[in-house]
N, C-alpha and C. Protein backbone atom coordinates (compact mmCIF):
# COMPACT_ATOMS: atom_id res chain seq x y z
N MET A 1 -5.30 16.91 -64.12
CA MET A 1 -4.20 17.30 -64.98
C MET A 1 -4.65 17.11 -66.44
N PRO A 2 -4.39 18.11 -67.27
CA PRO A 2 -4.85 18.00 -68.66
C PRO A 2 -4.06 16.94 -69.42
N ASP A 3 -4.70 16.41 -70.47
CA ASP A 3 -4.03 15.41 -71.30
C ASP A 3 -2.95 16.04 -72.18
N THR A 4 -3.18 17.29 -72.60
CA THR A 4 -2.19 17.98 -73.43
C THR A 4 -1.99 19.40 -72.92
N ILE A 5 -0.87 19.97 -73.33
CA ILE A 5 -0.51 21.33 -72.96
C ILE A 5 -0.42 22.14 -74.24
N HIS A 6 -1.12 23.27 -74.30
CA HIS A 6 -1.12 24.11 -75.49
C HIS A 6 0.10 25.02 -75.48
N ALA A 7 0.89 24.93 -76.55
CA ALA A 7 2.07 25.77 -76.76
C ALA A 7 2.05 26.26 -78.20
N LEU A 8 2.89 27.23 -78.52
CA LEU A 8 3.00 27.74 -79.88
C LEU A 8 4.43 27.61 -80.37
N LEU A 9 4.57 27.16 -81.61
CA LEU A 9 5.87 27.08 -82.28
C LEU A 9 5.91 28.22 -83.29
N VAL A 10 6.91 29.11 -83.17
CA VAL A 10 7.06 30.23 -84.10
C VAL A 10 8.25 29.93 -85.00
N ALA A 11 7.97 29.74 -86.28
CA ALA A 11 9.02 29.46 -87.26
C ALA A 11 9.70 30.78 -87.66
N VAL A 12 10.86 30.67 -88.30
CA VAL A 12 11.61 31.88 -88.67
C VAL A 12 10.86 32.75 -89.68
N ASP A 13 9.93 32.17 -90.43
CA ASP A 13 9.15 32.97 -91.39
C ASP A 13 7.89 33.57 -90.76
N GLY A 14 7.71 33.36 -89.45
CA GLY A 14 6.55 33.91 -88.75
C GLY A 14 5.36 32.98 -88.67
N THR A 15 5.46 31.83 -89.32
CA THR A 15 4.37 30.85 -89.25
C THR A 15 4.25 30.33 -87.82
N ILE A 16 3.02 30.31 -87.33
CA ILE A 16 2.77 29.81 -85.98
C ILE A 16 2.01 28.49 -86.08
N THR A 17 2.50 27.52 -85.33
CA THR A 17 1.86 26.22 -85.27
C THR A 17 1.43 25.96 -83.84
N ASP A 18 0.16 25.59 -83.67
CA ASP A 18 -0.32 25.19 -82.34
C ASP A 18 0.24 23.81 -82.03
N LEU A 19 0.88 23.70 -80.88
CA LEU A 19 1.38 22.40 -80.42
C LEU A 19 0.53 21.95 -79.25
N HIS A 20 0.26 20.67 -79.22
CA HIS A 20 -0.47 20.08 -78.10
C HIS A 20 0.46 19.05 -77.51
N LEU A 21 1.27 19.52 -76.55
CA LEU A 21 2.30 18.69 -75.95
C LEU A 21 1.71 17.75 -74.92
N SER A 22 2.31 16.60 -74.81
CA SER A 22 1.90 15.63 -73.81
C SER A 22 2.14 16.19 -72.41
N ALA A 23 1.31 15.79 -71.47
CA ALA A 23 1.52 16.17 -70.08
C ALA A 23 2.56 15.25 -69.43
N THR A 24 2.90 14.17 -70.11
CA THR A 24 3.92 13.24 -69.62
C THR A 24 5.29 13.78 -69.98
N ASP A 25 6.16 13.88 -68.99
CA ASP A 25 7.47 14.51 -69.15
C ASP A 25 8.31 13.91 -70.28
N THR A 26 8.43 12.61 -70.36
CA THR A 26 9.26 11.97 -71.38
C THR A 26 8.72 12.22 -72.78
N ALA A 27 7.43 12.05 -72.97
CA ALA A 27 6.80 12.29 -74.27
C ALA A 27 6.91 13.77 -74.64
N GLN A 28 6.75 14.64 -73.66
CA GLN A 28 6.84 16.08 -73.89
C GLN A 28 8.24 16.47 -74.40
N ARG A 29 9.27 15.94 -73.76
CA ARG A 29 10.65 16.23 -74.20
C ARG A 29 10.87 15.76 -75.63
N THR A 30 10.34 14.59 -75.97
CA THR A 30 10.48 14.06 -77.33
C THR A 30 9.77 14.96 -78.34
N GLN A 31 8.56 15.41 -78.02
CA GLN A 31 7.82 16.29 -78.92
C GLN A 31 8.55 17.62 -79.12
N ILE A 32 9.08 18.18 -78.07
CA ILE A 32 9.81 19.45 -78.18
C ILE A 32 11.08 19.26 -78.99
N GLN A 33 11.79 18.18 -78.75
CA GLN A 33 13.02 17.90 -79.51
C GLN A 33 12.70 17.74 -80.99
N GLN A 34 11.62 17.07 -81.33
CA GLN A 34 11.23 16.91 -82.73
C GLN A 34 10.86 18.25 -83.36
N ALA A 35 10.16 19.09 -82.64
CA ALA A 35 9.73 20.39 -83.18
C ALA A 35 10.92 21.32 -83.41
N LEU A 36 11.92 21.25 -82.53
CA LEU A 36 13.08 22.13 -82.64
C LEU A 36 14.24 21.49 -83.40
N VAL A 37 14.13 20.20 -83.69
CA VAL A 37 15.17 19.41 -84.37
C VAL A 37 16.48 19.48 -83.56
N ASP A 38 16.35 19.45 -82.25
CA ASP A 38 17.50 19.48 -81.34
C ASP A 38 16.95 19.45 -79.92
N ASN A 39 17.83 19.28 -78.95
CA ASN A 39 17.43 19.41 -77.56
C ASN A 39 17.06 20.85 -77.28
N ALA A 40 16.15 21.06 -76.35
CA ALA A 40 15.67 22.41 -76.05
C ALA A 40 16.51 23.08 -74.97
N GLU A 41 16.53 24.40 -75.09
CA GLU A 41 17.19 25.24 -74.09
C GLU A 41 16.25 26.41 -73.84
N ALA A 42 16.09 26.80 -72.59
CA ALA A 42 15.25 27.96 -72.29
C ALA A 42 16.00 29.24 -72.62
N LEU A 43 15.41 30.05 -73.50
CA LEU A 43 16.00 31.35 -73.83
C LEU A 43 15.70 32.37 -72.74
N ARG A 44 14.44 32.44 -72.36
CA ARG A 44 13.99 33.40 -71.35
C ARG A 44 12.75 32.85 -70.66
N TYR A 45 12.58 33.28 -69.42
CA TYR A 45 11.36 33.03 -68.68
C TYR A 45 10.70 34.38 -68.43
N VAL A 46 9.41 34.46 -68.70
CA VAL A 46 8.66 35.70 -68.50
C VAL A 46 7.67 35.46 -67.37
N ARG A 47 7.83 36.23 -66.30
CA ARG A 47 6.89 36.16 -65.18
C ARG A 47 6.08 37.45 -65.18
N ARG A 48 4.77 37.31 -65.41
CA ARG A 48 3.89 38.48 -65.54
C ARG A 48 3.23 38.79 -64.20
N PRO A 49 2.90 40.06 -63.95
CA PRO A 49 2.24 40.44 -62.70
C PRO A 49 0.90 39.74 -62.49
N ASP A 50 0.24 39.35 -63.59
CA ASP A 50 -1.07 38.69 -63.45
C ASP A 50 -0.95 37.22 -63.04
N GLY A 51 0.29 36.73 -62.85
CA GLY A 51 0.51 35.35 -62.42
C GLY A 51 0.74 34.38 -63.55
N SER A 52 0.56 34.82 -64.80
CA SER A 52 0.83 33.92 -65.93
C SER A 52 2.33 33.96 -66.24
N HIS A 53 2.87 32.82 -66.59
CA HIS A 53 4.29 32.72 -66.87
C HIS A 53 4.48 32.08 -68.24
N THR A 54 5.49 32.53 -68.98
CA THR A 54 5.77 32.00 -70.32
C THR A 54 7.26 31.70 -70.43
N ALA A 55 7.56 30.54 -71.00
CA ALA A 55 8.93 30.16 -71.29
C ALA A 55 9.12 30.17 -72.80
N ALA A 56 10.27 30.70 -73.25
CA ALA A 56 10.65 30.66 -74.67
C ALA A 56 11.75 29.63 -74.79
N LEU A 57 11.49 28.57 -75.57
CA LEU A 57 12.43 27.46 -75.73
C LEU A 57 12.97 27.44 -77.16
N ALA A 58 14.27 27.23 -77.29
CA ALA A 58 14.90 27.14 -78.61
C ALA A 58 15.86 25.97 -78.61
N ALA A 59 16.38 25.65 -79.77
CA ALA A 59 17.34 24.56 -79.90
C ALA A 59 18.63 24.92 -79.17
N GLU A 60 19.26 23.92 -78.55
CA GLU A 60 20.55 24.17 -77.88
C GLU A 60 21.59 24.67 -78.88
N THR A 61 21.61 24.06 -80.05
CA THR A 61 22.57 24.45 -81.08
C THR A 61 21.86 25.36 -82.08
N ARG A 62 22.13 26.66 -81.98
CA ARG A 62 21.47 27.63 -82.85
C ARG A 62 22.41 28.20 -83.89
N ASP A 63 23.70 27.96 -83.76
CA ASP A 63 24.66 28.48 -84.73
C ASP A 63 24.30 28.01 -86.13
N GLY A 64 24.30 28.94 -87.07
CA GLY A 64 24.00 28.61 -88.46
C GLY A 64 22.52 28.62 -88.80
N ARG A 65 21.67 28.75 -87.81
CA ARG A 65 20.23 28.84 -88.07
C ARG A 65 19.87 30.29 -88.34
N PRO A 66 18.86 30.52 -89.18
CA PRO A 66 18.48 31.90 -89.48
C PRO A 66 17.87 32.59 -88.26
N PRO A 67 18.01 33.92 -88.18
CA PRO A 67 17.41 34.65 -87.07
C PRO A 67 15.89 34.53 -87.11
N ASN A 68 15.29 34.53 -85.94
CA ASN A 68 13.84 34.46 -85.83
C ASN A 68 13.35 35.80 -85.28
N LEU A 69 13.16 36.75 -86.18
CA LEU A 69 12.74 38.09 -85.78
C LEU A 69 11.33 38.10 -85.22
N HIS A 70 10.48 37.21 -85.71
CA HIS A 70 9.09 37.15 -85.21
C HIS A 70 9.07 36.72 -83.75
N ALA A 71 9.86 35.70 -83.41
CA ALA A 71 9.93 35.26 -82.01
C ALA A 71 10.58 36.34 -81.14
N ALA A 72 11.58 37.04 -81.68
CA ALA A 72 12.23 38.12 -80.93
C ALA A 72 11.23 39.24 -80.62
N ILE A 73 10.40 39.59 -81.60
CA ILE A 73 9.39 40.63 -81.37
C ILE A 73 8.36 40.16 -80.34
N ALA A 74 7.92 38.91 -80.45
CA ALA A 74 6.97 38.37 -79.48
C ALA A 74 7.56 38.40 -78.07
N LEU A 75 8.81 37.99 -77.94
CA LEU A 75 9.45 37.99 -76.63
C LEU A 75 9.62 39.41 -76.11
N HIS A 76 9.91 40.34 -77.00
CA HIS A 76 10.01 41.75 -76.61
C HIS A 76 8.68 42.23 -76.02
N PHE A 77 7.56 41.92 -76.68
CA PHE A 77 6.25 42.34 -76.18
C PHE A 77 5.90 41.65 -74.86
N LEU A 78 6.26 40.37 -74.73
CA LEU A 78 5.97 39.65 -73.50
C LEU A 78 6.79 40.18 -72.33
N LEU A 79 8.05 40.52 -72.59
CA LEU A 79 8.95 41.00 -71.54
C LEU A 79 8.76 42.49 -71.24
N GLY A 80 8.39 43.24 -72.29
CA GLY A 80 8.30 44.68 -72.13
C GLY A 80 9.66 45.35 -72.06
N GLU A 81 10.64 44.73 -72.70
CA GLU A 81 11.99 45.32 -72.72
C GLU A 81 12.63 45.11 -74.08
N GLY A 82 13.88 45.49 -74.24
CA GLY A 82 14.58 45.46 -75.52
C GLY A 82 14.53 44.12 -76.24
N LEU A 83 14.79 44.17 -77.55
CA LEU A 83 14.78 42.96 -78.36
C LEU A 83 15.91 42.02 -77.94
N ILE A 84 15.65 40.75 -78.03
CA ILE A 84 16.64 39.73 -77.73
C ILE A 84 17.29 39.37 -79.05
N ALA A 85 18.55 39.70 -79.22
CA ALA A 85 19.21 39.60 -80.53
C ALA A 85 19.63 38.20 -80.92
N ASP A 86 19.77 37.30 -79.97
CA ASP A 86 20.35 35.99 -80.30
C ASP A 86 19.32 34.89 -80.56
N ILE A 87 18.13 35.26 -80.98
CA ILE A 87 17.11 34.23 -81.25
C ILE A 87 17.29 33.74 -82.68
N GLN A 88 17.63 32.47 -82.79
CA GLN A 88 17.84 31.84 -84.09
C GLN A 88 17.05 30.54 -84.13
N GLY A 89 16.49 30.24 -85.30
CA GLY A 89 15.73 29.02 -85.47
C GLY A 89 14.35 29.12 -84.85
N PRO A 90 13.60 28.04 -84.92
CA PRO A 90 12.24 28.05 -84.38
C PRO A 90 12.25 28.19 -82.85
N VAL A 91 11.16 28.75 -82.32
CA VAL A 91 11.02 28.95 -80.88
C VAL A 91 9.67 28.43 -80.44
N ILE A 92 9.66 27.71 -79.32
CA ILE A 92 8.41 27.24 -78.71
C ILE A 92 8.12 28.13 -77.51
N PHE A 93 6.89 28.64 -77.46
CA PHE A 93 6.42 29.39 -76.31
C PHE A 93 5.42 28.51 -75.57
N ALA A 94 5.64 28.33 -74.27
CA ALA A 94 4.74 27.54 -73.43
C ALA A 94 4.63 28.21 -72.07
N GLY A 95 3.54 27.94 -71.38
CA GLY A 95 3.40 28.43 -70.02
C GLY A 95 4.23 27.55 -69.09
N PHE A 96 4.42 28.01 -67.86
CA PHE A 96 5.06 27.16 -66.85
C PHE A 96 4.52 27.55 -65.49
N ASN A 97 4.61 26.62 -64.55
CA ASN A 97 4.08 26.86 -63.21
C ASN A 97 5.22 27.06 -62.20
N GLN A 98 4.86 27.20 -60.93
CA GLN A 98 5.85 27.45 -59.87
C GLN A 98 6.86 26.32 -59.73
N GLU A 99 6.47 25.10 -60.10
CA GLU A 99 7.38 23.96 -60.02
C GLU A 99 8.27 23.84 -61.26
N GLY A 100 8.04 24.70 -62.25
CA GLY A 100 8.84 24.68 -63.47
C GLY A 100 8.30 23.76 -64.55
N ALA A 101 7.17 23.12 -64.32
CA ALA A 101 6.56 22.24 -65.32
C ALA A 101 5.84 23.09 -66.36
N LEU A 102 5.85 22.62 -67.61
CA LEU A 102 5.16 23.34 -68.67
C LEU A 102 3.66 23.25 -68.48
N THR A 103 2.98 24.36 -68.82
CA THR A 103 1.53 24.45 -68.73
C THR A 103 1.01 25.14 -69.99
N ASN A 104 -0.30 25.22 -70.09
CA ASN A 104 -0.92 25.95 -71.21
C ASN A 104 -0.48 27.41 -71.20
N LEU A 105 -0.31 27.97 -72.39
CA LEU A 105 -0.07 29.40 -72.51
C LEU A 105 -1.32 30.15 -72.07
N SER A 106 -1.13 31.30 -71.46
CA SER A 106 -2.30 32.13 -71.12
C SER A 106 -2.86 32.71 -72.42
N GLU A 107 -4.14 33.06 -72.39
CA GLU A 107 -4.77 33.67 -73.58
C GLU A 107 -4.08 34.97 -73.97
N ASP A 108 -3.64 35.74 -72.97
CA ASP A 108 -2.94 36.99 -73.25
C ASP A 108 -1.62 36.71 -73.98
N ALA A 109 -0.87 35.70 -73.55
CA ALA A 109 0.39 35.35 -74.22
C ALA A 109 0.13 34.88 -75.65
N VAL A 110 -0.91 34.08 -75.84
CA VAL A 110 -1.25 33.60 -77.19
C VAL A 110 -1.56 34.79 -78.10
N ARG A 111 -2.36 35.72 -77.61
CA ARG A 111 -2.70 36.92 -78.40
C ARG A 111 -1.44 37.73 -78.73
N THR A 112 -0.59 37.92 -77.76
CA THR A 112 0.65 38.70 -77.96
C THR A 112 1.54 38.04 -79.00
N ILE A 113 1.73 36.75 -78.91
CA ILE A 113 2.60 36.02 -79.84
C ILE A 113 2.01 36.04 -81.24
N ARG A 114 0.72 35.81 -81.35
CA ARG A 114 0.08 35.83 -82.68
C ARG A 114 0.15 37.23 -83.30
N THR A 115 -0.01 38.26 -82.51
CA THR A 115 0.08 39.64 -83.02
C THR A 115 1.49 39.92 -83.52
N ALA A 116 2.48 39.51 -82.76
CA ALA A 116 3.88 39.76 -83.15
C ALA A 116 4.23 39.06 -84.44
N SER A 117 3.64 37.91 -84.71
CA SER A 117 4.01 37.16 -85.92
C SER A 117 3.49 37.80 -87.19
N VAL A 118 2.46 38.65 -87.08
CA VAL A 118 1.93 39.28 -88.29
C VAL A 118 2.61 40.61 -88.56
N LEU A 119 3.41 41.09 -87.63
CA LEU A 119 4.15 42.33 -87.86
C LEU A 119 5.25 42.05 -88.89
N PRO A 120 5.48 42.98 -89.78
CA PRO A 120 6.56 42.74 -90.76
C PRO A 120 7.91 42.78 -90.07
N ALA A 121 8.71 41.75 -90.29
CA ALA A 121 10.04 41.70 -89.71
C ALA A 121 10.99 42.56 -90.54
N VAL A 122 11.84 43.30 -89.86
CA VAL A 122 12.83 44.11 -90.55
C VAL A 122 13.90 43.20 -91.11
N ARG A 123 14.22 43.38 -92.36
CA ARG A 123 15.25 42.53 -92.98
C ARG A 123 16.41 43.37 -93.38
């Protein structure tokens, strides 16, 4: 089991931060809560045909937070469907396994998320 799990934090301005989350459940929850400044809630789960899975996590309380168009575009590309309109505040993208535990993001997901963050967001 790896010591850390690679995830990406997408800020509302499109800035991406590499997160190295603990593999320990309690420490991992604390790190995610600190990054989102709130408890986490899963926005969407993406299950890809190649077997890689991605979870998009956001703060439970998103009211009053600015929209995150960069994360919405990334999620659109990962899902291959319409934009998700209710994404507000920072979003953490992480992989997950069949048991629902967080895992490293696939290289394809990392590329997709990084590409989406450089696209100009419509304002």
